[in-house]
Amino acid sequence: MAAPAHRYLIALGSNQRHPRFGPPRQVLAAALERMAAEGLRVTAAAPVIETAPIGPSIRRYANSAAVIETSLDREALLALLKRIERDFGRRPGGQRWRARVLDLDLVLWSGGPYASADLTIPHPLFRTRAFVLTPAATIAPAWRDPITGLTVRQLHARLTGPRPLPKRSVGRALSSVGRATDF
């Protein structure tokens, strides 16, 4: 009898050219192929988007997301993803948010919240990152964050949607408009 499959939402990112696979968009495509070759069942892959870097890197990122199924537990999957990153040329350590050939993050899984010394699911920062939520919302809009109870679509809308001015600011803005025209 086969072990039950777990579903995972994986965020993918790249902002460095790979000598074999080419520019970041092609690195992400190669990473998806590699994950499939390693026995992960890729059930959905989001379109690649380009985003501005966070931190010291000056190169734009290619970002995507994938839903995968596997019998691997969370820690075994993390080890596999880290090995794939290393095989693509990523080196551990060094400056945070630096340029990288490949970044693979476990964002959500089909179980509840999980934390160990090496891994926290849901990813602690995914709710604040449009470069994760935008692609994820295209392939897993109804997936619920087990902490907030909100869907990926709702989290994306909260992060990227227009925000009305607070009522106090609106009143000040209107009074300052009146004053600005009074001269």
N, C-alpha and C. Protein backbone atom coordinates (compact mmCIF):
# COMPACT_ATOMS: atom_id res chain seq x y z
N MET A 1 0.85 -1.18 0.00
CA MET A 1 0.00 0.00 0.00
C MET A 1 0.89 1.24 0.00
N ALA A 2 0.65 2.16 -0.91
CA ALA A 2 1.46 3.38 -1.04
C ALA A 2 1.16 4.34 0.11
N ALA A 3 2.21 5.06 0.50
CA ALA A 3 2.04 6.08 1.55
C ALA A 3 1.11 7.17 1.03
N PRO A 4 0.30 7.75 1.92
CA PRO A 4 -0.61 8.81 1.47
C PRO A 4 0.18 10.02 0.96
N ALA A 5 -0.36 10.64 -0.06
CA ALA A 5 0.30 11.81 -0.65
C ALA A 5 -0.02 13.06 0.14
N HIS A 6 0.99 13.89 0.29
CA HIS A 6 0.81 15.21 0.88
C HIS A 6 0.84 16.21 -0.26
N ARG A 7 0.07 17.29 -0.11
CA ARG A 7 0.13 18.40 -1.07
C ARG A 7 0.93 19.53 -0.45
N TYR A 8 1.74 20.17 -1.28
CA TYR A 8 2.56 21.29 -0.83
C TYR A 8 2.46 22.42 -1.84
N LEU A 9 2.51 23.64 -1.34
CA LEU A 9 2.63 24.82 -2.19
C LEU A 9 4.08 25.28 -2.08
N ILE A 10 4.77 25.33 -3.20
CA ILE A 10 6.18 25.70 -3.25
C ILE A 10 6.31 27.02 -3.99
N ALA A 11 7.05 27.96 -3.42
CA ALA A 11 7.37 29.22 -4.10
C ALA A 11 8.73 29.05 -4.77
N LEU A 12 8.83 29.52 -6.02
CA LEU A 12 10.08 29.43 -6.78
C LEU A 12 10.56 30.83 -7.14
N GLY A 13 11.86 31.04 -7.07
CA GLY A 13 12.42 32.33 -7.44
C GLY A 13 13.82 32.18 -7.99
N SER A 14 14.18 33.09 -8.89
CA SER A 14 15.53 33.12 -9.46
C SER A 14 15.81 34.51 -9.98
N ASN A 15 17.05 34.99 -9.79
CA ASN A 15 17.43 36.25 -10.42
C ASN A 15 18.88 36.21 -10.93
N GLN A 16 19.36 35.01 -11.19
CA GLN A 16 20.69 34.84 -11.78
C GLN A 16 20.62 33.85 -12.92
N ARG A 17 21.36 34.15 -13.92
CA ARG A 17 21.48 33.25 -15.07
C ARG A 17 22.22 31.99 -14.64
N HIS A 18 21.79 30.87 -15.16
CA HIS A 18 22.46 29.59 -14.92
C HIS A 18 23.24 29.23 -16.18
N PRO A 19 24.49 28.77 -16.05
CA PRO A 19 25.29 28.49 -17.25
C PRO A 19 24.67 27.44 -18.18
N ARG A 20 23.90 26.52 -17.64
CA ARG A 20 23.29 25.47 -18.48
C ARG A 20 21.86 25.81 -18.88
N PHE A 21 21.07 26.34 -17.92
CA PHE A 21 19.65 26.54 -18.17
C PHE A 21 19.29 27.92 -18.70
N GLY A 22 20.19 28.89 -18.56
CA GLY A 22 19.94 30.21 -19.11
C GLY A 22 19.38 31.19 -18.11
N PRO A 23 18.55 32.14 -18.59
CA PRO A 23 18.03 33.21 -17.75
C PRO A 23 17.05 32.69 -16.69
N PRO A 24 16.74 33.53 -15.69
CA PRO A 24 15.91 33.09 -14.56
C PRO A 24 14.59 32.40 -14.93
N ARG A 25 13.89 32.87 -15.94
CA ARG A 25 12.63 32.19 -16.32
C ARG A 25 12.88 30.74 -16.70
N GLN A 26 13.97 30.50 -17.42
CA GLN A 26 14.30 29.13 -17.82
C GLN A 26 14.82 28.31 -16.64
N VAL A 27 15.46 28.97 -15.67
CA VAL A 27 15.89 28.29 -14.46
C VAL A 27 14.67 27.72 -13.73
N LEU A 28 13.60 28.52 -13.65
CA LEU A 28 12.39 28.05 -12.97
C LEU A 28 11.77 26.86 -13.71
N ALA A 29 11.74 26.92 -15.02
CA ALA A 29 11.21 25.80 -15.80
C ALA A 29 12.06 24.54 -15.57
N ALA A 30 13.37 24.70 -15.54
CA ALA A 30 14.26 23.57 -15.30
C ALA A 30 14.07 23.02 -13.88
N ALA A 31 13.83 23.91 -12.92
CA ALA A 31 13.60 23.46 -11.55
C ALA A 31 12.32 22.62 -11.44
N LEU A 32 11.27 23.03 -12.15
CA LEU A 32 10.04 22.24 -12.15
C LEU A 32 10.29 20.87 -12.77
N GLU A 33 11.05 20.83 -13.86
CA GLU A 33 11.38 19.55 -14.48
C GLU A 33 12.19 18.68 -13.53
N ARG A 34 13.12 19.29 -12.82
CA ARG A 34 13.95 18.55 -11.87
C ARG A 34 13.10 18.00 -10.72
N MET A 35 12.18 18.79 -10.22
CA MET A 35 11.31 18.31 -9.15
C MET A 35 10.52 17.09 -9.63
N ALA A 36 10.01 17.16 -10.85
CA ALA A 36 9.26 16.01 -11.40
C ALA A 36 10.18 14.80 -11.55
N ALA A 37 11.41 15.02 -12.00
CA ALA A 37 12.37 13.93 -12.17
C ALA A 37 12.73 13.29 -10.82
N GLU A 38 12.62 14.05 -9.75
CA GLU A 38 12.90 13.54 -8.40
C GLU A 38 11.70 12.81 -7.79
N GLY A 39 10.61 12.68 -8.55
CA GLY A 39 9.45 11.94 -8.08
C GLY A 39 8.35 12.79 -7.48
N LEU A 40 8.51 14.12 -7.52
CA LEU A 40 7.45 14.99 -7.03
C LEU A 40 6.43 15.17 -8.15
N ARG A 41 5.17 15.01 -7.84
CA ARG A 41 4.12 15.17 -8.85
C ARG A 41 3.69 16.63 -8.87
N VAL A 42 4.07 17.35 -9.93
CA VAL A 42 3.71 18.76 -10.07
C VAL A 42 2.30 18.79 -10.65
N THR A 43 1.32 19.17 -9.83
CA THR A 43 -0.07 19.18 -10.28
C THR A 43 -0.50 20.52 -10.86
N ALA A 44 0.24 21.58 -10.53
CA ALA A 44 -0.06 22.91 -11.08
C ALA A 44 1.19 23.77 -10.97
N ALA A 45 1.40 24.59 -11.99
CA ALA A 45 2.51 25.54 -11.98
C ALA A 45 1.97 26.89 -12.44
N ALA A 46 2.30 27.93 -11.71
CA ALA A 46 1.81 29.28 -12.02
C ALA A 46 2.66 29.91 -13.11
N PRO A 47 2.08 30.86 -13.84
CA PRO A 47 2.89 31.63 -14.79
C PRO A 47 3.99 32.38 -14.03
N VAL A 48 5.10 32.60 -14.71
CA VAL A 48 6.22 33.33 -14.11
C VAL A 48 5.92 34.82 -14.15
N ILE A 49 6.20 35.49 -13.03
CA ILE A 49 6.08 36.95 -12.98
C ILE A 49 7.46 37.52 -12.68
N GLU A 50 7.68 38.77 -13.05
CA GLU A 50 8.94 39.45 -12.71
C GLU A 50 8.66 40.44 -11.60
N THR A 51 9.57 40.47 -10.62
CA THR A 51 9.38 41.35 -9.46
C THR A 51 10.68 42.05 -9.11
N ALA A 52 10.54 43.17 -8.43
CA ALA A 52 11.71 43.91 -7.95
C ALA A 52 12.35 43.12 -6.80
N PRO A 53 13.66 43.24 -6.66
CA PRO A 53 14.34 42.52 -5.57
C PRO A 53 14.08 43.15 -4.21
N ILE A 54 14.22 42.34 -3.18
CA ILE A 54 14.21 42.81 -1.80
C ILE A 54 15.66 42.78 -1.34
N GLY A 55 16.10 43.79 -0.63
CA GLY A 55 17.46 43.78 -0.11
C GLY A 55 18.49 44.27 -1.11
N PRO A 56 19.73 43.79 -0.97
CA PRO A 56 20.85 44.35 -1.73
C PRO A 56 20.92 43.94 -3.20
N SER A 57 20.23 42.91 -3.59
CA SER A 57 20.32 42.47 -4.98
C SER A 57 19.74 43.54 -5.92
N ILE A 58 20.35 43.72 -7.08
CA ILE A 58 19.84 44.72 -8.03
C ILE A 58 19.12 44.08 -9.21
N ARG A 59 19.24 42.78 -9.35
CA ARG A 59 18.59 42.07 -10.46
C ARG A 59 17.14 41.76 -10.14
N ARG A 60 16.26 41.92 -11.13
CA ARG A 60 14.86 41.56 -10.96
C ARG A 60 14.73 40.04 -10.82
N TYR A 61 13.71 39.63 -10.12
CA TYR A 61 13.45 38.20 -9.91
C TYR A 61 12.40 37.68 -10.87
N ALA A 62 12.54 36.42 -11.23
CA ALA A 62 11.48 35.64 -11.85
C ALA A 62 10.89 34.81 -10.71
N ASN A 63 9.58 34.90 -10.52
CA ASN A 63 8.91 34.17 -9.44
C ASN A 63 7.76 33.36 -9.99
N SER A 64 7.51 32.23 -9.34
CA SER A 64 6.40 31.37 -9.70
C SER A 64 6.00 30.57 -8.46
N ALA A 65 5.06 29.69 -8.63
CA ALA A 65 4.64 28.79 -7.55
C ALA A 65 4.20 27.48 -8.18
N ALA A 66 4.25 26.44 -7.39
CA ALA A 66 3.82 25.13 -7.86
C ALA A 66 3.11 24.40 -6.73
N VAL A 67 2.11 23.62 -7.10
CA VAL A 67 1.48 22.69 -6.18
C VAL A 67 2.03 21.32 -6.53
N ILE A 68 2.55 20.64 -5.52
CA ILE A 68 3.10 19.31 -5.75
C ILE A 68 2.46 18.30 -4.82
N GLU A 69 2.51 17.05 -5.21
CA GLU A 69 2.08 15.94 -4.36
C GLU A 69 3.24 14.97 -4.23
N THR A 70 3.42 14.47 -3.02
CA THR A 70 4.49 13.51 -2.75
C THR A 70 4.17 12.76 -1.46
N SER A 71 4.77 11.60 -1.32
CA SER A 71 4.64 10.86 -0.06
C SER A 71 5.71 11.31 0.94
N LEU A 72 6.63 12.18 0.51
CA LEU A 72 7.67 12.68 1.41
C LEU A 72 7.06 13.53 2.52
N ASP A 73 7.60 13.37 3.73
CA ASP A 73 7.16 14.25 4.80
C ASP A 73 7.83 15.62 4.63
N ARG A 74 7.46 16.56 5.48
CA ARG A 74 7.93 17.95 5.35
C ARG A 74 9.44 18.07 5.39
N GLU A 75 10.08 17.41 6.34
CA GLU A 75 11.54 17.52 6.50
C GLU A 75 12.27 16.87 5.32
N ALA A 76 11.77 15.73 4.86
CA ALA A 76 12.40 15.07 3.71
C ALA A 76 12.24 15.92 2.45
N LEU A 77 11.08 16.54 2.28
CA LEU A 77 10.88 17.41 1.13
C LEU A 77 11.81 18.63 1.21
N LEU A 78 11.93 19.22 2.39
CA LEU A 78 12.84 20.36 2.57
C LEU A 78 14.26 19.96 2.18
N ALA A 79 14.71 18.79 2.63
CA ALA A 79 16.06 18.33 2.28
C ALA A 79 16.21 18.17 0.77
N LEU A 80 15.20 17.63 0.11
CA LEU A 80 15.25 17.48 -1.34
C LEU A 80 15.31 18.84 -2.04
N LEU A 81 14.48 19.78 -1.61
CA LEU A 81 14.47 21.11 -2.22
C LEU A 81 15.81 21.81 -2.03
N LYS A 82 16.40 21.68 -0.86
CA LYS A 82 17.72 22.29 -0.60
C LYS A 82 18.80 21.63 -1.48
N ARG A 83 18.69 20.33 -1.70
CA ARG A 83 19.66 19.65 -2.58
C ARG A 83 19.51 20.14 -4.02
N ILE A 84 18.27 20.32 -4.47
CA ILE A 84 18.04 20.85 -5.82
C ILE A 84 18.64 22.25 -5.93
N GLU A 85 18.41 23.10 -4.93
CA GLU A 85 19.00 24.44 -4.94
C GLU A 85 20.52 24.37 -5.06
N ARG A 86 21.15 23.52 -4.27
CA ARG A 86 22.62 23.37 -4.33
C ARG A 86 23.06 22.88 -5.70
N ASP A 87 22.33 21.91 -6.26
CA ASP A 87 22.68 21.39 -7.58
C ASP A 87 22.58 22.46 -8.66
N PHE A 88 21.72 23.45 -8.45
CA PHE A 88 21.58 24.56 -9.39
C PHE A 88 22.60 25.67 -9.12
N GLY A 89 23.42 25.51 -8.08
CA GLY A 89 24.47 26.46 -7.82
C GLY A 89 24.28 27.37 -6.62
N ARG A 90 23.23 27.17 -5.87
CA ARG A 90 23.03 28.01 -4.68
C ARG A 90 23.94 27.54 -3.56
N ARG A 91 24.56 28.49 -2.90
CA ARG A 91 25.44 28.18 -1.78
C ARG A 91 24.81 28.70 -0.49
N PRO A 92 24.82 27.86 0.57
CA PRO A 92 24.24 28.31 1.84
C PRO A 92 25.09 29.39 2.49
N GLY A 93 24.46 30.14 3.39
CA GLY A 93 25.17 31.18 4.13
C GLY A 93 25.31 32.45 3.33
N GLY A 94 26.11 33.36 3.84
CA GLY A 94 26.34 34.62 3.14
C GLY A 94 25.26 35.65 3.44
N GLN A 95 25.24 36.68 2.63
CA GLN A 95 24.33 37.80 2.84
C GLN A 95 22.88 37.42 2.55
N ARG A 96 21.99 37.87 3.44
CA ARG A 96 20.57 37.61 3.27
C ARG A 96 20.03 38.37 2.05
N TRP A 97 19.12 37.77 1.33
CA TRP A 97 18.44 38.36 0.18
C TRP A 97 19.39 38.71 -0.96
N ARG A 98 20.49 38.01 -1.06
CA ARG A 98 21.41 38.27 -2.17
C ARG A 98 20.88 37.61 -3.44
N ALA A 99 21.52 37.91 -4.56
CA ALA A 99 21.13 37.28 -5.82
C ALA A 99 21.30 35.77 -5.69
N ARG A 100 20.42 35.03 -6.36
CA ARG A 100 20.52 33.58 -6.29
C ARG A 100 20.01 32.94 -7.57
N VAL A 101 20.61 31.83 -7.89
CA VAL A 101 20.19 31.09 -9.08
C VAL A 101 18.82 30.49 -8.85
N LEU A 102 18.59 29.92 -7.66
CA LEU A 102 17.32 29.25 -7.41
C LEU A 102 16.97 29.32 -5.93
N ASP A 103 15.72 29.64 -5.66
CA ASP A 103 15.18 29.65 -4.31
C ASP A 103 13.88 28.86 -4.34
N LEU A 104 13.79 27.82 -3.52
CA LEU A 104 12.60 26.99 -3.41
C LEU A 104 12.13 27.01 -1.96
N ASP A 105 10.95 27.55 -1.72
CA ASP A 105 10.42 27.65 -0.35
C ASP A 105 9.13 26.87 -0.20
N LEU A 106 9.04 26.11 0.89
CA LEU A 106 7.81 25.44 1.27
C LEU A 106 6.90 26.49 1.91
N VAL A 107 5.76 26.74 1.31
CA VAL A 107 4.88 27.79 1.80
C VAL A 107 3.73 27.21 2.63
N LEU A 108 3.00 26.26 2.07
CA LEU A 108 1.87 25.62 2.75
C LEU A 108 1.93 24.12 2.49
N TRP A 109 1.23 23.37 3.30
CA TRP A 109 1.08 21.95 3.05
C TRP A 109 -0.31 21.51 3.47
N SER A 110 -0.68 20.29 3.11
CA SER A 110 -2.04 19.82 3.33
C SER A 110 -2.35 19.51 4.79
N GLY A 111 -1.38 19.59 5.67
CA GLY A 111 -1.59 19.42 7.10
C GLY A 111 -1.72 20.77 7.78
N GLY A 112 -1.69 20.75 9.07
CA GLY A 112 -1.81 21.98 9.85
C GLY A 112 -0.47 22.67 10.00
N PRO A 113 -0.41 23.67 10.87
CA PRO A 113 0.85 24.37 11.11
C PRO A 113 1.93 23.39 11.58
N TYR A 114 3.18 23.69 11.22
CA TYR A 114 4.30 22.82 11.57
C TYR A 114 5.51 23.69 11.84
N ALA A 115 6.27 23.33 12.87
CA ALA A 115 7.51 24.06 13.15
C ALA A 115 8.55 23.10 13.70
N SER A 116 9.77 23.25 13.19
CA SER A 116 10.92 22.52 13.70
C SER A 116 12.08 23.51 13.72
N ALA A 117 13.25 23.02 14.05
CA ALA A 117 14.43 23.90 14.07
C ALA A 117 14.75 24.44 12.67
N ASP A 118 14.43 23.67 11.63
CA ASP A 118 14.80 24.05 10.26
C ASP A 118 13.65 24.52 9.39
N LEU A 119 12.42 24.34 9.83
CA LEU A 119 11.29 24.57 8.93
C LEU A 119 10.07 25.07 9.70
N THR A 120 9.41 26.07 9.14
CA THR A 120 8.12 26.54 9.67
C THR A 120 7.14 26.60 8.52
N ILE A 121 6.00 25.93 8.67
CA ILE A 121 4.93 25.96 7.68
C ILE A 121 3.64 26.32 8.42
N PRO A 122 2.91 27.33 7.96
CA PRO A 122 3.13 28.14 6.78
C PRO A 122 4.42 28.96 6.89
N HIS A 123 4.97 29.26 5.72
CA HIS A 123 6.16 30.10 5.68
C HIS A 123 5.85 31.38 6.45
N PRO A 124 6.73 31.78 7.37
CA PRO A 124 6.41 32.92 8.25
C PRO A 124 6.14 34.24 7.53
N LEU A 125 6.68 34.46 6.35
CA LEU A 125 6.52 35.75 5.68
C LEU A 125 5.63 35.73 4.44
N PHE A 126 5.05 34.58 4.10
CA PHE A 126 4.35 34.50 2.82
C PHE A 126 3.17 35.45 2.72
N ARG A 127 2.52 35.76 3.85
CA ARG A 127 1.35 36.65 3.82
C ARG A 127 1.71 38.08 3.43
N THR A 128 2.98 38.45 3.52
CA THR A 128 3.43 39.81 3.23
C THR A 128 4.18 39.92 1.92
N ARG A 129 4.18 38.88 1.13
CA ARG A 129 4.98 38.86 -0.09
C ARG A 129 4.12 38.65 -1.33
N ALA A 130 3.92 39.73 -2.06
CA ALA A 130 3.13 39.64 -3.29
C ALA A 130 3.80 38.72 -4.30
N PHE A 131 5.12 38.64 -4.30
CA PHE A 131 5.81 37.77 -5.25
C PHE A 131 5.56 36.29 -4.97
N VAL A 132 5.04 35.97 -3.80
CA VAL A 132 4.60 34.60 -3.49
C VAL A 132 3.10 34.48 -3.73
N LEU A 133 2.32 35.43 -3.21
CA LEU A 133 0.87 35.32 -3.28
C LEU A 133 0.31 35.51 -4.69
N THR A 134 0.93 36.35 -5.52
CA THR A 134 0.40 36.57 -6.87
C THR A 134 0.42 35.28 -7.69
N PRO A 135 1.56 34.59 -7.81
CA PRO A 135 1.51 33.33 -8.56
C PRO A 135 0.69 32.26 -7.84
N ALA A 136 0.78 32.21 -6.52
CA ALA A 136 0.04 31.19 -5.77
C ALA A 136 -1.47 31.34 -5.96
N ALA A 137 -1.95 32.57 -6.03
CA ALA A 137 -3.39 32.80 -6.19
C ALA A 137 -3.90 32.31 -7.54
N THR A 138 -3.03 32.18 -8.53
CA THR A 138 -3.48 31.69 -9.84
C THR A 138 -3.66 30.18 -9.87
N ILE A 139 -2.98 29.46 -8.97
CA ILE A 139 -3.06 27.99 -9.00
C ILE A 139 -3.70 27.38 -7.76
N ALA A 140 -3.74 28.14 -6.66
CA ALA A 140 -4.30 27.60 -5.42
C ALA A 140 -5.11 28.67 -4.69
N PRO A 141 -6.07 29.31 -5.38
CA PRO A 141 -6.79 30.44 -4.77
C PRO A 141 -7.60 30.06 -3.53
N ALA A 142 -8.09 28.84 -3.46
CA ALA A 142 -8.96 28.43 -2.35
C ALA A 142 -8.19 27.77 -1.20
N TRP A 143 -6.87 27.60 -1.34
CA TRP A 143 -6.08 26.98 -0.28
C TRP A 143 -6.09 27.91 0.93
N ARG A 144 -6.43 27.38 2.09
CA ARG A 144 -6.55 28.21 3.30
C ARG A 144 -5.26 28.20 4.11
N ASP A 145 -4.90 29.37 4.59
CA ASP A 145 -3.82 29.53 5.54
C ASP A 145 -4.34 28.99 6.87
N PRO A 146 -3.70 27.97 7.45
CA PRO A 146 -4.24 27.39 8.68
C PRO A 146 -4.15 28.32 9.89
N ILE A 147 -3.36 29.37 9.80
CA ILE A 147 -3.23 30.31 10.92
C ILE A 147 -4.35 31.35 10.89
N THR A 148 -4.55 31.99 9.74
CA THR A 148 -5.56 33.06 9.65
C THR A 148 -6.93 32.55 9.21
N GLY A 149 -6.98 31.39 8.57
CA GLY A 149 -8.24 30.88 8.02
C GLY A 149 -8.60 31.50 6.69
N LEU A 150 -7.79 32.44 6.22
CA LEU A 150 -8.06 33.11 4.94
C LEU A 150 -7.52 32.28 3.79
N THR A 151 -8.16 32.40 2.62
CA THR A 151 -7.67 31.72 1.43
C THR A 151 -6.49 32.50 0.84
N VAL A 152 -5.75 31.83 -0.03
CA VAL A 152 -4.65 32.50 -0.72
C VAL A 152 -5.20 33.69 -1.51
N ARG A 153 -6.35 33.53 -2.13
CA ARG A 153 -6.97 34.64 -2.87
C ARG A 153 -7.26 35.83 -1.95
N GLN A 154 -7.80 35.56 -0.77
CA GLN A 154 -8.10 36.62 0.17
C GLN A 154 -6.83 37.30 0.68
N LEU A 155 -5.81 36.51 0.99
CA LEU A 155 -4.53 37.08 1.43
C LEU A 155 -3.93 37.97 0.34
N HIS A 156 -4.02 37.50 -0.90
CA HIS A 156 -3.50 38.28 -2.03
C HIS A 156 -4.26 39.59 -2.17
N ALA A 157 -5.58 39.53 -2.09
CA ALA A 157 -6.40 40.74 -2.21
C ALA A 157 -6.09 41.73 -1.09
N ARG A 158 -5.91 41.23 0.12
CA ARG A 158 -5.59 42.11 1.24
C ARG A 158 -4.24 42.79 1.04
N LEU A 159 -3.31 42.07 0.45
CA LEU A 159 -1.96 42.61 0.28
C LEU A 159 -1.86 43.55 -0.91
N THR A 160 -2.57 43.25 -1.98
CA THR A 160 -2.37 43.99 -3.23
C THR A 160 -3.52 44.92 -3.59
N GLY A 161 -4.66 44.78 -2.92
CA GLY A 161 -5.82 45.60 -3.27
C GLY A 161 -5.66 47.05 -2.85
N PRO A 162 -6.46 47.94 -3.47
CA PRO A 162 -6.40 49.35 -3.08
C PRO A 162 -6.89 49.51 -1.64
N ARG A 163 -6.31 50.45 -0.96
CA ARG A 163 -6.68 50.70 0.43
C ARG A 163 -7.32 52.07 0.55
N PRO A 164 -8.50 52.14 1.14
CA PRO A 164 -9.10 53.47 1.36
C PRO A 164 -8.33 54.21 2.44
N LEU A 165 -8.36 55.51 2.38
CA LEU A 165 -7.75 56.32 3.43
C LEU A 165 -8.54 56.14 4.71
N PRO A 166 -7.87 56.12 5.85
CA PRO A 166 -8.62 56.06 7.12
C PRO A 166 -9.51 57.29 7.23
N LYS A 167 -10.65 57.15 7.92
CA LYS A 167 -11.61 58.26 8.01
C LYS A 167 -10.98 59.53 8.55
N ARG A 168 -10.13 59.44 9.52
CA ARG A 168 -9.49 60.62 10.08
C ARG A 168 -8.64 61.31 9.01
N SER A 169 -7.91 60.54 8.21
CA SER A 169 -7.07 61.12 7.16
C SER A 169 -7.91 61.76 6.07
N VAL A 170 -9.06 61.16 5.76
CA VAL A 170 -9.93 61.74 4.74
C VAL A 170 -10.39 63.12 5.18
N GLY A 171 -10.81 63.27 6.42
CA GLY A 171 -11.25 64.56 6.94
C GLY A 171 -10.14 65.59 6.88
N ARG A 172 -8.92 65.19 7.26
CA ARG A 172 -7.79 66.11 7.19
C ARG A 172 -7.49 66.48 5.75
N ALA A 173 -7.57 65.48 4.87
CA ALA A 173 -7.27 65.74 3.46
C ALA A 173 -8.28 66.74 2.88
N LEU A 174 -9.56 66.58 3.23
CA LEU A 174 -10.57 67.50 2.72
C LEU A 174 -10.38 68.91 3.29
N SER A 175 -10.05 68.99 4.58
CA SER A 175 -9.86 70.32 5.15
C SER A 175 -8.62 70.99 4.60
N SER A 176 -7.58 70.19 4.31
CA SER A 176 -6.37 70.79 3.74
C SER A 176 -6.60 71.20 2.29
N VAL A 177 -7.49 70.49 1.58
CA VAL A 177 -7.82 70.88 0.22
C VAL A 177 -8.51 72.24 0.26
N GLY A 178 -9.46 72.42 1.19
CA GLY A 178 -10.16 73.70 1.33
C GLY A 178 -9.17 74.83 1.63
N ARG A 179 -8.22 74.56 2.53
CA ARG A 179 -7.23 75.57 2.87
C ARG A 179 -6.31 75.87 1.69
N ALA A 180 -5.96 74.86 0.94
CA ALA A 180 -5.04 75.07 -0.17
C ALA A 180 -5.65 75.97 -1.24
N THR A 181 -6.99 75.97 -1.37
CA THR A 181 -7.62 76.81 -2.39
C THR A 181 -8.02 78.18 -1.85
N ASP A 182 -7.77 78.44 -0.58
CA ASP A 182 -8.20 79.69 0.04
C ASP A 182 -7.19 80.83 -0.11
N PHE A 183 -6.23 80.75 -0.92
CA PHE A 183 -5.26 81.84 -0.98
C PHE A 183 -5.50 82.63 -2.20
